Amino acid sequence: MGAEANKRVLFVAGTRPEIIKMAPVVDCARAELGQVTWLLTGQHQALANSVLTDLNVAVDEKLNVLQPGATLGQLTVRLMQAMDDALAKHNPAVVVVQGDTTTAMIAGLASFSRRIPVVHIEAGLRSGDLKHPFPEEVNRKIVGVFADLHCAPTSKARDNLLAEGVAADRILVTGNTVVDTLEMISGNLKQYGVVKKQILVTLHRRESWDGGIEESCRAIGRLAQCRDDIEFIFPVHTNPLVQSQVRAVLGGYDTVRLVDPMGYLELQSLLSQSWLVLTDSGGIQEEAPSYRVPVFVLRNVTERPEAVEQGQARMIGTDGDTIYKSCLELLDDPERYKAMQQGTNPFGDGRASNRIVRVLEYLLHNQFDKIQDIEPFE
């Protein structure tokens, strides 16, 4: 009797967002597929450990690729060697990567080099600008070249892949798994006593380090000076360049609370009770519509246009005057604000994980033709 066919699925994550979005898929895969290994590369360490605790999930192995002060090139080299060793050790039948990180790009490329099929979760997001966001846009495009199956979160993401020449039968619109995660944690959110209109701020993008963050902060300071009905809560990213700019501009305002980075549950509790979000984060753009919280995106392009097109978010960039005027307009126009609260979350329906696990099941059994029978997210 021949040896049993290899059916091991290796999930690879390295950053907090990857863990958040991969956790419900891994849970579903462990229940349905059995032979599952979840590997963390260590691209984020403290943040990764924090979210594992918040989500009450466990990984099977942790690598340690992060070196303080390392460049993207140095991180890339360490990741490639570590992932090649891990693939030799685990010998998976398929590797699953998520999103747009250096971990996703290198884990996928290392797998491709060993002729191991790659499934890409959150495939097909495109801003159309290789430098915004940096380096995420390039990472996504690279994974899109060699992935065997593409789990696109929305129809727009699918259309981007089709335009790049990806075969239609290798794409499934699954919805974004972050909506699955929000459902998973919904019973664990805390309620705070909110008196003023609470505005959550997050800023960290590399492309904003040279002026954009400082300009945005000056607009927030102007708003804090002229309005006594609002309060800003700003979890400041740990990067020293971000810290120095934010604290230099906003350190003296009573109604601007500069706080340390929050755990995932704490941040979601805060987001769910916010009046407005000012952010350059991709994840928050996807999460806020579930709470009916309007979003002003402090970027000039987004790879997640669905909420903008549905009216739940607006692109306003990092120009200080634009931020200031846009916030005042929303504060003074209840009907405009109410309109931004309408609609369901355009990024997912809470069933993305089930669809992705079905994709994996058919891939493991070489039943590619059945993938298109899975009901897609619309």
Protein backbone atom coordinates (compact mmCIF):
# COMPACT_ATOMS: atom_id res chain seq x y z
CA MET A 1 0.00 0.00 0.00
CA GLY A 2 1.42 3.42 -1.02
CA ALA A 3 2.20 6.22 1.35
CA GLU A 4 -0.64 8.59 2.18
CA ALA A 5 -0.65 11.69 -0.01
CA ASN A 6 0.73 14.86 1.55
CA LYS A 7 -2.18 17.14 2.53
CA ARG A 8 -0.35 19.51 4.88
CA VAL A 9 -1.28 23.18 4.64
CA LEU A 10 1.27 25.72 5.91
CA PHE A 11 -0.12 29.14 6.85
CA VAL A 12 2.52 31.86 7.09
CA ALA A 13 2.10 35.23 8.82
CA GLY A 14 4.54 37.80 10.12
CA THR A 15 2.71 40.96 11.15
CA ARG A 16 -0.23 41.87 13.33
CA PRO A 17 -2.62 42.51 10.41
CA GLU A 18 -1.77 39.13 8.89
CA ILE A 19 -2.53 37.36 12.16
CA ILE A 20 -5.82 39.22 12.57
CA LYS A 21 -6.98 38.29 9.09
CA MET A 22 -5.59 34.76 9.05
CA ALA A 23 -6.84 33.64 12.48
CA PRO A 24 -10.42 32.73 11.46
CA VAL A 25 -9.15 30.89 8.37
CA VAL A 26 -6.71 28.82 10.40
CA ASP A 27 -9.42 27.97 12.94
CA CYS A 28 -11.71 26.80 10.16
CA ALA A 29 -8.92 24.89 8.42
CA ARG A 30 -7.92 23.09 11.61
CA ALA A 31 -11.49 21.92 12.06
CA GLU A 32 -12.05 20.93 8.42
CA LEU A 33 -8.69 19.88 7.00
CA GLY A 34 -6.70 18.54 9.93
CA GLN A 35 -3.10 18.75 8.66
CA VAL A 36 -2.49 22.42 9.38
CA THR A 37 0.64 24.25 10.54
CA TRP A 38 0.66 27.97 11.38
CA LEU A 39 4.07 29.63 11.21
CA LEU A 40 4.99 33.15 12.34
CA THR A 41 8.11 34.65 10.80
CA GLY A 42 8.66 37.29 13.49
CA GLN A 43 8.47 40.32 11.17
CA HIS A 44 6.46 41.84 14.04
CA GLN A 45 7.16 40.46 17.52
CA ALA A 46 5.58 42.32 20.44
CA LEU A 47 2.57 43.37 18.33
CA ALA A 48 2.14 39.81 17.07
CA ASN A 49 2.25 38.31 20.56
CA SER A 50 -0.30 40.84 21.77
CA VAL A 51 -2.86 40.03 19.09
CA LEU A 52 -2.42 36.28 19.58
CA THR A 53 -3.43 36.83 23.21
CA ASP A 54 -6.36 39.08 22.26
CA LEU A 55 -7.71 36.56 19.77
CA ASN A 56 -6.95 33.56 22.01
CA VAL A 57 -5.23 31.69 19.20
CA ALA A 58 -2.02 29.69 19.06
CA VAL A 59 0.62 29.22 16.40
CA ASP A 60 2.71 26.12 15.84
CA GLU A 61 6.13 27.67 15.26
CA LYS A 62 7.79 31.07 15.55
CA LEU A 63 10.85 32.23 13.66
CA ASN A 64 12.90 35.27 14.62
CA VAL A 65 13.74 37.26 11.51
CA LEU A 66 13.43 40.76 12.96
CA GLN A 67 16.60 42.72 13.72
CA PRO A 68 16.32 46.23 15.21
CA GLY A 69 17.08 48.86 12.60
CA ALA A 70 17.16 46.39 9.70
CA THR A 71 16.44 47.72 6.23
CA LEU A 72 13.78 46.19 4.00
CA GLY A 73 16.57 44.54 2.03
CA GLN A 74 18.09 42.98 5.13
CA LEU A 75 14.68 41.77 6.28
CA THR A 76 14.08 40.27 2.86
CA VAL A 77 17.34 38.31 2.93
CA ARG A 78 16.68 36.92 6.43
CA LEU A 79 13.11 36.00 5.51
CA MET A 80 14.13 34.10 2.37
CA GLN A 81 16.67 31.96 4.21
CA ALA A 82 14.35 31.33 7.16
CA MET A 83 11.41 30.43 4.91
CA ASP A 84 13.44 28.11 2.72
CA ASP A 85 14.58 26.24 5.83
CA ALA A 86 11.00 26.10 7.16
CA LEU A 87 9.68 24.72 3.88
CA ALA A 88 12.33 22.01 3.89
CA LYS A 89 11.35 21.13 7.45
CA HIS A 90 7.57 21.05 7.04
CA ASN A 91 7.29 19.90 3.41
CA PRO A 92 3.78 21.32 2.92
CA ALA A 93 1.49 20.45 0.04
CA VAL A 94 0.33 24.08 -0.15
CA VAL A 95 1.39 27.37 1.41
CA VAL A 96 -1.11 30.13 2.31
CA VAL A 97 -0.03 33.76 2.54
CA GLN A 98 -2.09 36.84 3.33
CA GLY A 99 -2.08 40.38 2.08
CA ASP A 100 0.79 42.64 1.17
CA THR A 101 3.65 42.29 3.63
CA THR A 102 7.26 41.38 3.02
CA THR A 103 6.48 38.10 4.80
CA ALA A 104 3.70 37.31 2.31
CA MET A 105 5.86 38.15 -0.68
CA ILE A 106 8.95 36.22 0.44
CA ALA A 107 7.07 33.20 1.86
CA GLY A 108 5.26 32.92 -1.45
CA LEU A 109 8.41 33.35 -3.51
CA ALA A 110 10.30 30.77 -1.46
CA SER A 111 7.40 28.34 -1.96
CA PHE A 112 7.32 29.00 -5.69
CA SER A 113 11.06 28.29 -5.84
CA ARG A 114 10.36 24.87 -4.34
CA ARG A 115 7.37 24.29 -6.68
CA ILE A 116 4.91 24.36 -3.78
CA PRO A 117 1.47 25.76 -4.70
CA VAL A 118 0.65 29.14 -3.16
CA VAL A 119 -2.79 30.43 -2.16
CA HIS A 120 -3.03 34.19 -1.70
CA ILE A 121 -5.65 35.56 0.72
CA GLU A 122 -6.70 39.18 0.05
CA ALA A 123 -5.41 38.98 -3.50
CA GLY A 124 -5.88 41.63 -6.15
CA LEU A 125 -5.85 44.86 -4.16
CA ARG A 126 -4.27 47.60 -6.27
CA SER A 127 -3.76 51.32 -5.79
CA GLY A 128 -2.23 51.78 -9.23
CA ASP A 129 0.79 53.56 -7.74
CA LEU A 130 3.90 51.49 -6.97
CA LYS A 131 5.03 53.99 -4.33
CA HIS A 132 1.72 54.32 -2.48
CA PRO A 133 1.48 52.34 -0.32
CA PHE A 134 5.16 51.46 -0.12
CA PRO A 135 6.29 48.68 -0.32
CA GLU A 136 2.88 46.98 -0.12
CA GLU A 137 1.74 47.69 -3.68
CA VAL A 138 4.80 45.96 -5.14
CA ASN A 139 4.51 43.05 -2.69
CA ARG A 140 0.93 42.41 -3.78
CA LYS A 141 1.78 42.51 -7.46
CA ILE A 142 4.69 40.11 -7.03
CA VAL A 143 2.54 37.54 -5.21
CA GLY A 144 -0.08 37.95 -7.93
CA VAL A 145 2.44 36.73 -10.52
CA PHE A 146 3.17 33.31 -9.01
CA ALA A 147 0.15 32.46 -6.80
CA ASP A 148 -1.74 29.36 -7.94
CA LEU A 149 -5.07 30.45 -6.46
CA HIS A 150 -6.19 33.98 -5.68
CA CYS A 151 -8.76 34.61 -2.94
CA ALA A 152 -9.93 38.09 -3.92
CA PRO A 153 -11.89 39.92 -1.21
CA THR A 154 -14.15 41.83 -3.63
CA SER A 155 -15.21 41.88 -7.26
CA LYS A 156 -12.97 44.92 -7.85
CA ALA A 157 -9.97 42.94 -6.63
CA ARG A 158 -10.96 40.12 -8.98
CA ASP A 159 -11.19 42.56 -11.89
CA ASN A 160 -7.70 43.85 -11.11
CA LEU A 161 -6.34 40.32 -11.34
CA LEU A 162 -8.16 39.61 -14.58
CA ALA A 163 -6.72 42.80 -16.07
CA GLU A 164 -3.24 41.51 -15.20
CA GLY A 165 -3.84 38.26 -17.04
CA VAL A 166 -4.73 35.92 -14.16
CA ALA A 167 -7.00 33.10 -15.36
CA ALA A 168 -10.59 33.47 -14.20
CA ASP A 169 -10.75 29.86 -12.98
CA ARG A 170 -7.91 30.57 -10.52
CA ILE A 171 -9.77 33.43 -8.77
CA LEU A 172 -12.58 33.26 -6.22
CA VAL A 173 -14.22 36.31 -4.62
CA THR A 174 -14.29 35.30 -0.97
CA GLY A 175 -14.90 38.52 0.97
CA ASN A 176 -12.30 39.87 3.38
CA THR A 177 -11.52 37.67 6.36
CA VAL A 178 -11.28 40.70 8.66
CA VAL A 179 -15.09 40.72 8.77
CA ASP A 180 -14.96 37.13 10.02
CA THR A 181 -12.56 38.25 12.74
CA LEU A 182 -14.87 41.09 13.81
CA GLU A 183 -17.68 38.59 14.26
CA MET A 184 -15.34 36.33 16.23
CA ILE A 185 -14.52 39.10 18.75
CA SER A 186 -17.87 40.90 18.84
CA GLY A 187 -18.78 39.57 22.29
CA ASN A 188 -15.48 40.73 23.82
CA LEU A 189 -15.62 44.46 23.12
CA LYS A 190 -15.72 46.87 26.06
CA GLN A 191 -18.08 49.79 26.44
CA TYR A 192 -16.65 53.17 27.42
CA GLY A 193 -18.41 56.25 28.71
CA VAL A 194 -18.17 58.55 25.69
CA VAL A 195 -19.26 62.17 26.28
CA LYS A 196 -17.73 64.17 23.44
CA LYS A 197 -17.60 63.18 19.78
CA GLN A 198 -14.64 60.85 19.77
CA ILE A 199 -12.33 60.94 16.76
CA LEU A 200 -9.85 58.09 16.41
CA VAL A 201 -6.59 58.90 14.61
CA THR A 202 -4.01 56.45 13.24
CA LEU A 203 -1.03 57.47 11.10
CA HIS A 204 2.03 55.43 10.20
CA ARG A 205 2.54 55.08 6.42
CA ARG A 206 6.10 55.40 5.16
CA GLU A 207 4.98 57.66 2.31
CA SER A 208 3.76 60.20 4.92
CA TRP A 209 6.93 60.30 6.99
CA ASP A 210 8.31 63.23 4.98
CA GLY A 211 5.74 65.90 5.79
CA GLY A 212 2.35 64.20 5.59
CA ILE A 213 2.18 63.19 9.23
CA GLU A 214 3.23 66.61 10.48
CA GLU A 215 0.72 68.37 8.20
CA SER A 216 -2.09 66.08 9.36
CA CYS A 217 -1.21 66.71 13.00
CA ARG A 218 -1.30 70.48 12.51
CA ALA A 219 -4.85 70.16 11.16
CA ILE A 220 -5.84 68.11 14.20
CA GLY A 221 -4.36 70.80 16.44
CA ARG A 222 -6.42 73.48 14.68
CA LEU A 223 -9.58 71.45 15.19
CA ALA A 224 -8.77 70.86 18.85
CA GLN A 225 -8.39 74.62 19.35
CA CYS A 226 -11.66 75.64 17.71
CA ARG A 227 -14.07 72.89 18.83
CA ASP A 228 -14.94 71.93 22.39
CA ASP A 229 -17.38 69.15 21.39
CA ILE A 230 -14.72 66.73 20.10
CA GLU A 231 -11.91 64.66 21.57
CA PHE A 232 -9.11 63.00 19.63
CA ILE A 233 -7.61 59.67 20.65
CA PHE A 234 -4.37 58.96 18.85
CA PRO A 235 -2.52 55.64 19.44
CA VAL A 236 0.95 56.70 18.28
CA HIS A 237 2.96 54.20 16.26
CA THR A 238 6.20 53.06 17.91
CA ASN A 239 8.39 54.15 14.98
CA PRO A 240 10.66 56.97 16.25
CA LEU A 241 10.04 59.07 13.12
CA VAL A 242 6.29 58.92 13.72
CA GLN A 243 6.62 59.47 17.47
CA SER A 244 8.80 62.56 17.13
CA GLN A 245 6.54 64.30 14.60
CA VAL A 246 3.27 63.56 16.37
CA ARG A 247 4.43 64.54 19.84
CA ALA A 248 6.18 67.69 18.65
CA VAL A 249 2.95 69.03 17.13
CA LEU A 250 0.22 67.61 19.36
CA GLY A 251 1.89 67.17 22.73
CA GLY A 252 0.27 70.22 24.32
CA TYR A 253 -3.45 69.81 23.58
CA ASP A 254 -5.82 68.81 26.39
CA THR A 255 -8.38 67.27 24.01
CA VAL A 256 -5.83 65.25 22.03
CA ARG A 257 -4.93 62.07 23.89
CA LEU A 258 -1.67 60.63 22.63
CA VAL A 259 -1.53 57.04 23.83
CA ASP A 260 0.65 54.00 23.32
CA PRO A 261 -0.30 51.49 20.60
CA MET A 262 -3.34 49.50 21.69
CA GLY A 263 -4.10 45.82 21.75
CA TYR A 264 -6.49 44.62 19.07
CA LEU A 265 -9.53 44.24 21.33
CA GLU A 266 -8.92 47.63 22.92
CA LEU A 267 -8.58 49.30 19.54
CA GLN A 268 -11.73 47.64 18.21
CA SER A 269 -13.65 48.68 21.31
CA LEU A 270 -12.51 52.25 20.73
CA LEU A 271 -13.27 52.14 17.01
CA SER A 272 -16.77 50.78 17.57
CA GLN A 273 -17.64 53.81 19.72
CA SER A 274 -15.88 56.48 17.70
CA TRP A 275 -17.75 59.25 15.89
CA LEU A 276 -15.18 59.48 13.08
CA VAL A 277 -11.86 57.93 12.09
CA LEU A 278 -8.90 59.74 10.53
CA THR A 279 -6.56 57.04 9.28
CA ASP A 280 -4.04 55.86 6.71
CA SER A 281 -4.54 52.23 7.80
CA GLY A 282 -5.91 49.72 5.33
CA GLY A 283 -7.39 47.50 8.03
CA ILE A 284 -9.38 50.28 9.67
CA GLN A 285 -10.85 51.22 6.31
CA GLU A 286 -12.24 47.67 6.18
CA GLU A 287 -13.34 47.44 9.82
CA ALA A 288 -15.08 50.79 10.39
CA PRO A 289 -18.08 50.10 8.10
CA SER A 290 -19.05 47.17 10.33
CA TYR A 291 -19.55 49.69 13.15
CA ARG A 292 -21.12 52.35 10.89
CA VAL A 293 -18.27 54.74 11.72
CA PRO A 294 -17.37 57.18 8.88
CA VAL A 295 -13.77 57.21 7.70
CA PHE A 296 -11.59 60.00 6.33
CA VAL A 297 -8.64 58.34 4.59
CA LEU A 298 -5.45 60.36 5.03
CA ARG A 299 -3.92 59.12 1.79
CA ASN A 300 -4.06 60.21 -1.85
CA VAL A 301 -4.79 56.73 -3.22
CA THR A 302 -6.36 53.62 -1.75
CA GLU A 303 -6.36 50.00 -2.79
CA ARG A 304 -9.66 49.63 -0.95
CA PRO A 305 -12.04 51.91 -2.89
CA GLU A 306 -15.23 50.02 -2.03
CA ALA A 307 -16.13 52.03 1.09
CA VAL A 308 -15.33 55.29 -0.71
CA GLU A 309 -17.62 54.36 -3.58
CA GLN A 310 -20.37 53.33 -1.17
CA GLY A 311 -20.09 56.68 0.65
CA GLN A 312 -18.83 55.33 3.99
CA ALA A 313 -15.33 56.75 3.51
CA ARG A 314 -13.75 59.78 1.85
CA MET A 315 -10.25 60.24 0.48
CA ILE A 316 -8.92 63.54 1.81
CA GLY A 317 -5.13 63.13 1.73
CA THR A 318 -2.73 64.80 4.16
CA ASP A 319 -3.23 68.46 3.21
CA GLY A 320 -3.91 70.30 6.46
CA ASP A 321 -6.54 72.70 5.11
CA THR A 322 -8.46 69.84 3.49
CA ILE A 323 -8.47 67.80 6.70
CA TYR A 324 -9.57 70.81 8.76
CA LYS A 325 -12.38 71.84 6.40
CA SER A 326 -13.60 68.27 5.82
CA CYS A 327 -13.94 67.61 9.55
CA LEU A 328 -15.75 70.91 10.16
CA GLU A 329 -18.18 70.18 7.32
CA LEU A 330 -19.04 66.81 8.81
CA LEU A 331 -19.34 68.20 12.32
CA ASP A 332 -21.77 70.88 11.15
CA ASP A 333 -23.88 68.78 8.77
CA PRO A 334 -25.80 65.96 10.53
CA GLU A 335 -27.38 64.79 7.29
CA ARG A 336 -24.01 64.39 5.58
CA TYR A 337 -22.78 62.46 8.60
CA LYS A 338 -25.85 60.22 8.62
CA ALA A 339 -25.38 59.46 4.94
CA MET A 340 -21.86 58.16 5.64
CA GLN A 341 -23.27 55.68 8.17
CA GLN A 342 -25.52 53.94 5.66
CA GLY A 343 -24.99 50.54 4.07
CA THR A 344 -23.45 47.22 5.02
CA ASN A 345 -19.75 46.46 5.08
CA PRO A 346 -18.70 46.24 1.40
CA PHE A 347 -15.63 44.17 2.21
CA GLY A 348 -17.18 40.94 3.47
CA ASP A 349 -20.08 38.99 4.93
CA GLY A 350 -18.36 36.91 7.63
CA ARG A 351 -18.10 33.76 5.48
CA ALA A 352 -14.75 34.33 3.80
CA SER A 353 -12.95 31.71 5.91
CA ASN A 354 -15.37 28.97 4.88
CA ARG A 355 -14.92 29.82 1.22
CA ILE A 356 -11.12 29.83 1.50
CA VAL A 357 -11.05 26.46 3.26
CA ARG A 358 -13.21 25.01 0.48
CA VAL A 359 -10.66 26.38 -2.00
CA LEU A 360 -7.88 24.63 -0.08
CA GLU A 361 -9.83 21.38 0.06
CA TYR A 362 -10.35 21.30 -3.70
CA LEU A 363 -6.71 22.26 -4.33
CA LEU A 364 -5.45 19.43 -2.12
CA HIS A 365 -7.57 16.96 -4.09
CA ASN A 366 -6.72 18.45 -7.51
CA GLN A 367 -10.34 19.39 -8.08
CA PHE A 368 -9.78 22.86 -9.52
CA ASP A 369 -13.00 22.68 -11.52
CA LYS A 370 -15.06 22.67 -8.31
CA ILE A 371 -13.66 25.97 -7.05
CA GLN A 372 -15.96 27.95 -9.29
CA ASP A 373 -18.94 26.10 -7.77
CA ILE A 374 -18.32 27.88 -4.43
CA GLU A 375 -20.81 30.69 -3.97
CA PRO A 376 -18.74 33.91 -4.11
CA PHE A 377 -19.10 37.02 -2.00
CA GLU A 378 -20.98 39.72 -3.88
